[in-house]
Each structure stands twice: as structure tokens, then as C-alpha cells.
Amino acid sequence: MKVTEHIANAKKTLFSFEILPPVKGTSIQSIYNGIDPLMEFNPPFINVTYHREEYVFKERGNGLLEKISIRKRPGTVGICSAIMHKYEVDAVPHIICGGFSKEETENALMDLNFLGIDNVLVLRGDSIKTETQFRPHPDGHAYASDLLKQICDLNNGNYLDEDIANPVPTNFCAGVAGYPEKHSEAPNLETDLKYLKMKVDMGAQYIITQMFFDNKKYFDFVKACREYGINVPIIPGIKPLTAKNQLRMLPNLFHIDIPNDLVQAIDSAQTPQAVRQAGIEWAIQQCKELVEFGVPCLHFYTMSKSEATAAIAKEIF
């Protein structure tokens, strides 16, 4: 079933979460270990991230360095198929611009279509560590809107090869990202909303937000979206703080604010266990308020670790 159908059929707030593919060379069992404790909360769908290439330099015998492209976390398509087979829930692969040509993207989408996976989350993706700004593949997409257009074209039976006779259209339900505190590269929230509205008008059917720790940011974002004519479901993204270094790491990586009350609670905790509990308690109260607000789903960024999310879900679902 499509994400939008799950939401339309639900009589209460849904529970979903996002996982990372395991590092190359490790077993998929690590994925199952992170999913198993969360299945009691009946997630209708599980997101699987897609990771672009990274570059390493290896010294060769002639003393020269060779630049080599590697993917540390491959397997998104296979993991999605395995999840649907093992757990009988829908899987939502992330589809990204970075590191993929249009043809590679089309081939991946065809594989998903053949496997009966009809939900995707469409993202530009991040720049690689060695680049100061995002660089698209030479024959790829520079923006999530361009990638979304390719998916919508496939849904209309328009493939890259115009000579295909009687092409069969796909039927993807495409979601996009939303940023309650605006995208870091947007000059202001108004501009961010303009491009988000453009993606919805193109065919995006739901929005999942970046993590946030102040619900007012989400409430204001939803209000601004509705006033802008964006009327698709807006799913809040939740991540519990579980370590003190996240107070600096998360704002730096994701360009978000952490409320002072939460900062003080984390800073005053004397043990790692106390830090984790403070973060969980904050997230529980955050989720209770969001459920009362009537959000369609609570979407947790688990990083493939289930303990904190399970502790929160036990209090909510």
C-alpha cells in the first residue's frame, strides 16, 4: 500500500522509522536486530536510506595516488525487498541525486517497480566530504525537483529511451523532505516553501520533515505550508538525543536549534544512562504533544538502533 493510503486509512497516529543499510561486508542481520524490537508498534512502512559514493586515495606501486569511488553502505533496493518479504510491511527507499546518472536512477526505479515497491522518498542528498558544495553526477540531477520529475515521468510511462514501444507506466508514491527550520542552503523560509510547493504541484504526495526538537517549529511550519497551499500530509521526523556530543554534532550537521531546556537537561546529566534518559523523556513529551496536535505519523530516525525509539513508542502507542 502507498504511504498516503496508510495515512488515509488510519484511525490514529501511525508509527514509522528509518534505518541505515549495513556497512559493506556486514550481515543484514544487523538490520533485523534493529527492526525486530520495533515491530510490536505495527509500523505500516519502514524507510531505508540511500548513500552516495565516497572517494578514497590508494597509493600504487609507482608512488602515485589513485582516486577510487566506493559505496560504504550499498544495498538499499535489496534491503527494501528483504524487509517486505520478512515483515510484510511496506519499505520506502530513499532515492537521491548525488552520485547517480539519470539512467542509473531509471534502472533502480525499474528494479523497485519489479519488486512491487511503490513508495519512494525523493532527496537531493548531501555533498561528499571532499566537496565544499553539492556536485551532481555529470549526467544526473542537480535538484530533488529534477529527480522527482523523472519519477513522475515514469509514472506517466515516459522513459529515457523514447523508442520504447507501448511503455508500461510505474505507480510510485513519492514523498519529499520538509525543513521546519528551513533548508540550510535556502536564503529564507519563504523561498524554501516556494520550492516545496513546486514539488507538491509536480506530484509529491507527502512530506517528511527534518528532525526538530521544538514542536513550535513544526506547528509553525505546518501552518505556513497550509497558507502557501501545500495540503499533503506532513509527517514529523523525530530523533531522541542519546549522547552529549549530539548537542554540538546535530546542529552542525543538520542546521537545527536545540531548546535550552533540553540542553540544560543533557548537560546536567552525570552519566551516559542519565543523558539517554533525559533525551528519551524529552522525546516522549514531544511526541505526546504531536499526537494531540493530530499528526498523521511519528517518523523516527533510529540510525538502525532501536532501544531509545522503543522506549518512546511504549509510552505513545
Protein backbone atom coordinates (compact mmCIF):
# COMPACT_ATOMS: atom_id res chain seq x y z
CA MET A 1 0.00 0.00 0.00
CA LYS A 2 1.12 3.56 -0.56
CA VAL A 3 2.17 5.79 2.33
CA THR A 4 -0.74 8.10 1.58
CA GLU A 5 -3.16 5.16 1.68
CA HIS A 6 -1.83 4.06 5.06
CA ILE A 7 -2.40 7.58 6.35
CA ALA A 8 -5.88 7.86 4.83
CA ASN A 9 -6.94 4.52 6.33
CA ALA A 10 -5.51 5.16 9.81
CA LYS A 11 -7.76 5.93 12.74
CA LYS A 12 -4.88 7.21 14.88
CA THR A 13 -1.32 8.48 14.57
CA LEU A 14 0.93 5.94 12.85
CA PHE A 15 4.44 4.84 13.83
CA SER A 16 7.29 4.52 11.33
CA PHE A 17 11.05 4.68 11.35
CA GLU A 18 14.15 4.95 9.20
CA ILE A 19 17.17 2.64 9.06
CA LEU A 20 20.64 2.69 7.52
CA PRO A 21 21.92 -0.07 5.24
CA PRO A 22 24.72 -2.01 6.96
CA VAL A 23 28.32 -1.21 6.08
CA LYS A 24 29.61 -3.23 3.13
CA GLY A 25 30.86 -6.63 4.26
CA THR A 26 28.49 -6.97 7.22
CA SER A 27 25.36 -9.05 7.55
CA ILE A 28 21.78 -7.94 7.04
CA GLN A 29 21.14 -9.45 10.48
CA SER A 30 22.18 -6.13 11.97
CA ILE A 31 19.18 -4.62 10.17
CA TYR A 32 16.83 -7.25 11.54
CA ASN A 33 18.22 -6.73 15.05
CA GLY A 34 17.27 -3.07 14.81
CA ILE A 35 13.81 -3.75 13.37
CA ASP A 36 12.62 -6.70 15.49
CA PRO A 37 12.11 -4.74 18.77
CA LEU A 38 10.03 -2.12 16.93
CA MET A 39 7.59 -4.42 15.15
CA GLU A 40 5.25 -4.58 18.18
CA PHE A 41 4.30 -0.96 17.38
CA ASN A 42 2.93 -2.01 13.97
CA PRO A 43 4.82 0.25 11.57
CA PRO A 44 2.99 0.32 8.22
CA PHE A 45 6.21 1.34 6.46
CA ILE A 46 9.95 1.47 7.09
CA ASN A 47 12.33 3.87 5.34
CA VAL A 48 15.75 2.76 4.10
CA THR A 49 18.37 5.41 3.36
CA TYR A 50 20.46 5.50 0.19
CA HIS A 51 24.12 6.51 0.43
CA ARG A 52 26.16 8.05 -2.33
CA GLU A 53 29.75 7.24 -3.19
CA GLU A 54 32.76 8.34 -1.19
CA TYR A 55 36.26 8.75 -2.53
CA VAL A 56 39.47 7.32 -1.11
CA PHE A 57 43.04 7.63 -2.35
CA LYS A 58 45.16 4.49 -2.57
CA GLU A 59 48.91 4.57 -3.15
CA ARG A 60 50.07 2.49 -6.10
CA GLY A 61 53.46 0.93 -6.72
CA ASN A 62 54.69 3.87 -8.80
CA GLY A 63 54.17 6.22 -5.86
CA LEU A 64 51.13 7.84 -7.39
CA LEU A 65 47.76 8.08 -5.66
CA GLU A 66 44.68 6.64 -7.34
CA LYS A 67 41.28 8.15 -6.59
CA ILE A 68 38.75 5.35 -6.09
CA SER A 69 34.98 5.61 -5.68
CA ILE A 70 33.41 3.31 -3.09
CA ARG A 71 29.96 2.89 -1.57
CA LYS A 72 30.22 2.06 2.10
CA ARG A 73 26.52 1.32 2.55
CA PRO A 74 25.12 -0.28 -0.61
CA GLY A 75 22.05 -2.49 -0.77
CA THR A 76 19.05 -0.21 -0.32
CA VAL A 77 16.97 -1.95 -3.00
CA GLY A 78 17.79 -5.43 -1.69
CA ILE A 79 17.13 -4.42 1.92
CA CYS A 80 13.74 -3.00 0.97
CA SER A 81 12.81 -6.25 -0.71
CA ALA A 82 14.04 -8.28 2.28
CA ILE A 83 12.03 -6.13 4.72
CA MET A 84 8.83 -6.53 2.74
CA HIS A 85 9.37 -10.29 2.47
CA LYS A 86 10.29 -10.85 6.13
CA TYR A 87 7.96 -8.43 7.91
CA GLU A 88 5.15 -7.91 5.39
CA VAL A 89 5.29 -4.14 5.72
CA ASP A 90 5.96 -1.56 3.04
CA ALA A 91 9.51 -0.36 2.54
CA VAL A 92 10.30 3.18 1.42
CA PRO A 93 13.71 3.53 -0.25
CA HIS A 94 15.35 6.91 -0.42
CA ILE A 95 16.20 7.94 -3.97
CA ILE A 96 18.97 10.54 -4.20
CA CYS A 97 20.58 12.69 -6.86
CA GLY A 98 24.20 12.56 -5.74
CA GLY A 99 26.40 10.03 -7.48
CA PHE A 100 23.77 8.66 -9.88
CA SER A 101 23.19 9.27 -13.57
CA LYS A 102 19.65 9.51 -14.91
CA GLU A 103 19.99 6.07 -16.46
CA GLU A 104 21.21 4.53 -13.20
CA THR A 105 18.27 6.16 -11.46
CA GLU A 106 15.82 4.79 -14.00
CA ASN A 107 17.29 1.31 -13.67
CA ALA A 108 17.00 1.43 -9.87
CA LEU A 109 13.39 2.59 -10.15
CA MET A 110 12.63 -0.23 -12.58
CA ASP A 111 14.08 -2.73 -10.08
CA LEU A 112 11.88 -1.28 -7.35
CA ASN A 113 8.85 -1.43 -9.62
CA PHE A 114 9.54 -5.10 -10.48
CA LEU A 115 9.78 -5.89 -6.76
CA GLY A 116 6.41 -4.28 -6.01
CA ILE A 117 7.95 -1.39 -4.08
CA ASP A 118 5.80 1.61 -4.93
CA ASN A 119 6.85 4.16 -2.30
CA VAL A 120 9.95 6.36 -2.55
CA LEU A 121 11.35 9.36 -0.70
CA VAL A 122 12.96 11.77 -3.17
CA LEU A 123 16.02 13.67 -1.94
CA ARG A 124 18.89 15.60 -3.42
CA GLY A 125 21.32 14.09 -0.92
CA ASP A 126 24.39 15.59 0.69
CA SER A 127 27.70 16.59 -0.80
CA ILE A 128 30.60 14.23 -0.20
CA LYS A 129 33.16 15.10 2.46
CA THR A 130 35.77 16.26 -0.03
CA GLU A 131 33.43 18.82 -1.65
CA THR A 132 32.52 22.20 -0.23
CA GLN A 133 29.20 22.18 -2.10
CA PHE A 134 26.96 19.62 -3.75
CA ARG A 135 28.08 18.45 -7.18
CA PRO A 136 25.67 16.39 -9.26
CA HIS A 137 26.67 13.49 -11.46
CA PRO A 138 27.60 14.85 -14.93
CA ASP A 139 24.54 13.10 -16.35
CA GLY A 140 22.46 13.26 -13.19
CA HIS A 141 20.18 15.62 -11.35
CA ALA A 142 21.20 18.76 -9.51
CA TYR A 143 17.96 19.14 -7.52
CA ALA A 144 15.38 16.91 -5.89
CA SER A 145 12.76 18.54 -8.11
CA ASP A 146 14.58 17.26 -11.21
CA LEU A 147 14.70 13.76 -9.74
CA LEU A 148 11.03 13.99 -8.83
CA LYS A 149 10.23 14.95 -12.42
CA GLN A 150 11.95 11.80 -13.68
CA ILE A 151 9.86 9.69 -11.30
CA CYS A 152 6.65 11.46 -12.32
CA ASP A 153 7.61 10.97 -15.97
CA LEU A 154 7.97 7.23 -15.34
CA ASN A 155 4.56 7.24 -13.68
CA ASN A 156 3.27 8.63 -16.97
CA GLY A 157 5.10 5.99 -18.99
CA ASN A 158 7.85 8.34 -20.20
CA TYR A 159 11.21 6.55 -20.11
CA LEU A 160 14.59 7.95 -21.09
CA ASP A 161 14.54 5.80 -24.22
CA GLU A 162 11.87 7.43 -26.35
CA ASP A 163 11.85 4.47 -28.76
CA ILE A 164 10.29 2.03 -26.27
CA ALA A 165 7.06 0.71 -27.76
CA ASN A 166 3.99 0.69 -25.50
CA PRO A 167 5.85 1.58 -22.29
CA VAL A 168 4.19 0.49 -19.05
CA PRO A 169 3.92 3.34 -16.52
CA THR A 170 5.14 2.93 -12.96
CA ASN A 171 2.99 3.84 -9.98
CA PHE A 172 5.30 5.38 -7.38
CA CYS A 173 4.01 7.36 -4.40
CA ALA A 174 6.73 9.97 -3.99
CA GLY A 175 7.48 11.82 -0.78
CA VAL A 176 9.84 14.75 -0.30
CA ALA A 177 11.68 16.37 2.59
CA GLY A 178 10.49 19.43 4.50
CA TYR A 179 12.54 21.66 6.79
CA PRO A 180 10.73 23.33 9.71
CA GLU A 181 13.85 25.43 10.31
CA LYS A 182 14.41 25.85 6.53
CA HIS A 183 16.99 24.08 4.37
CA SER A 184 20.50 25.25 5.19
CA GLU A 185 21.06 26.46 1.62
CA ALA A 186 17.78 28.36 1.31
CA PRO A 187 18.09 32.14 1.83
CA ASN A 188 14.84 32.20 3.83
CA LEU A 189 11.82 30.09 4.71
CA GLU A 190 9.65 31.76 2.06
CA THR A 191 11.99 30.59 -0.69
CA ASP A 192 12.10 27.13 0.84
CA LEU A 193 8.30 26.95 0.84
CA LYS A 194 8.16 28.11 -2.78
CA TYR A 195 10.26 25.15 -3.91
CA LEU A 196 8.41 22.75 -1.64
CA LYS A 197 5.11 23.90 -3.18
CA MET A 198 6.61 23.39 -6.63
CA LYS A 199 7.46 19.77 -5.78
CA VAL A 200 3.95 19.13 -4.44
CA ASP A 201 2.46 20.64 -7.58
CA MET A 202 4.71 18.37 -9.64
CA GLY A 203 3.37 15.26 -7.90
CA ALA A 204 4.93 14.81 -4.45
CA GLN A 205 2.24 13.21 -2.28
CA TYR A 206 3.59 13.60 1.25
CA ILE A 207 6.33 15.34 3.21
CA ILE A 208 8.64 14.02 5.94
CA THR A 209 10.37 16.71 7.96
CA GLN A 210 13.92 17.07 9.09
CA MET A 211 14.33 16.33 12.79
CA PHE A 212 13.40 19.11 15.21
CA PHE A 213 13.31 19.40 18.99
CA ASP A 214 10.93 22.33 19.42
CA ASN A 215 7.37 21.43 18.41
CA LYS A 216 6.53 25.07 17.80
CA LYS A 217 8.88 24.95 14.82
CA TYR A 218 6.81 22.10 13.36
CA PHE A 219 3.45 23.74 14.17
CA ASP A 220 4.56 27.00 12.54
CA PHE A 221 5.90 25.09 9.54
CA VAL A 222 2.61 23.23 9.00
CA LYS A 223 0.68 26.49 9.32
CA ALA A 224 2.96 28.20 6.79
CA CYS A 225 2.64 25.25 4.39
CA ARG A 226 -1.14 25.29 4.56
CA GLU A 227 -1.24 29.04 3.98
CA TYR A 228 1.04 28.51 0.99
CA GLY A 229 -1.34 25.95 -0.48
CA ILE A 230 0.65 22.84 0.47
CA ASN A 231 -2.02 20.42 1.60
CA VAL A 232 -0.36 16.97 1.52
CA PRO A 233 0.35 15.06 4.78
CA ILE A 234 3.33 16.45 6.69
CA ILE A 235 4.98 13.73 8.79
CA PRO A 236 7.21 14.96 11.65
CA GLY A 237 10.69 13.45 11.91
CA ILE A 238 11.79 12.62 15.46
CA LYS A 239 15.21 11.78 16.88
CA PRO A 240 15.88 11.35 20.60
CA LEU A 241 19.14 12.79 21.91
CA THR A 242 21.16 9.97 23.46
CA ALA A 243 24.67 11.40 23.88
CA LYS A 244 26.16 14.74 24.98
CA ASN A 245 28.21 15.18 21.81
CA GLN A 246 24.95 15.37 19.84
CA LEU A 247 24.37 18.83 21.31
CA ARG A 248 27.15 20.07 19.01
CA MET A 249 27.09 17.46 16.27
CA LEU A 250 23.41 17.65 15.29
CA PRO A 251 23.19 21.47 14.92
CA ASN A 252 26.40 21.40 12.90
CA LEU A 253 25.28 18.62 10.56
CA PHE A 254 21.59 19.43 10.23
CA HIS A 255 21.46 23.18 10.94
CA ILE A 256 18.83 22.89 13.65
CA ASP A 257 18.28 24.52 17.04
CA ILE A 258 18.09 22.60 20.30
CA PRO A 259 15.90 24.24 23.00
CA ASN A 260 17.78 25.49 26.04
CA ASP A 261 15.72 23.36 28.45
CA LEU A 262 16.85 20.24 26.62
CA VAL A 263 20.45 21.45 26.50
CA GLN A 264 20.41 22.02 30.25
CA ALA A 265 18.84 18.61 30.91
CA ILE A 266 21.51 16.88 28.83
CA ASP A 267 24.38 18.94 30.22
CA SER A 268 23.37 18.34 33.83
CA ALA A 269 23.11 14.56 33.38
CA GLN A 270 26.03 12.89 35.14
CA THR A 271 26.15 9.53 33.39
CA PRO A 272 25.61 8.27 29.83
CA GLN A 273 22.49 6.48 31.08
CA ALA A 274 21.14 9.72 32.56
CA VAL A 275 21.84 11.56 29.29
CA ARG A 276 19.97 8.91 27.34
CA GLN A 277 17.02 9.02 29.74
CA ALA A 278 16.82 12.83 29.56
CA GLY A 279 16.70 12.65 25.77
CA ILE A 280 14.04 9.95 25.83
CA GLU A 281 11.85 11.84 28.29
CA TRP A 282 12.05 14.96 26.13
CA ALA A 283 11.06 12.98 23.05
CA ILE A 284 8.15 11.32 24.88
CA GLN A 285 6.68 14.70 25.79
CA GLN A 286 7.37 15.98 22.30
CA CYS A 287 5.57 13.02 20.74
CA LYS A 288 2.58 13.25 23.09
CA GLU A 289 2.07 16.87 22.07
CA LEU A 290 2.40 15.99 18.38
CA VAL A 291 -0.16 13.19 18.70
CA GLU A 292 -2.55 15.59 20.42
CA PHE A 293 -1.99 18.02 17.53
CA GLY A 294 -3.14 15.25 15.17
CA VAL A 295 -0.02 14.42 13.17
CA PRO A 296 -0.55 11.62 10.64
CA CYS A 297 2.51 9.66 11.71
CA LEU A 298 5.54 9.87 14.00
CA HIS A 299 8.63 9.03 11.97
CA PHE A 300 11.75 8.13 13.98
CA TYR A 301 15.34 8.48 12.82
CA THR A 302 16.76 5.39 14.53
CA MET A 303 20.16 5.07 12.80
CA SER A 304 19.32 1.33 12.95
CA LYS A 305 19.37 1.40 16.76
CA SER A 306 16.05 0.55 18.33
CA GLU A 307 16.43 0.95 22.10
CA ALA A 308 15.60 4.65 22.52
CA THR A 309 12.82 4.59 19.91
CA ALA A 310 11.25 1.52 21.54
CA ALA A 311 11.29 3.23 24.95
CA ILE A 312 9.48 6.24 23.48
CA ALA A 313 7.00 4.19 21.48
CA LYS A 314 5.98 2.19 24.57
CA GLU A 315 4.71 5.45 26.07
CA ILE A 316 2.89 6.61 22.94
CA PHE A 317 1.46 3.62 21.08
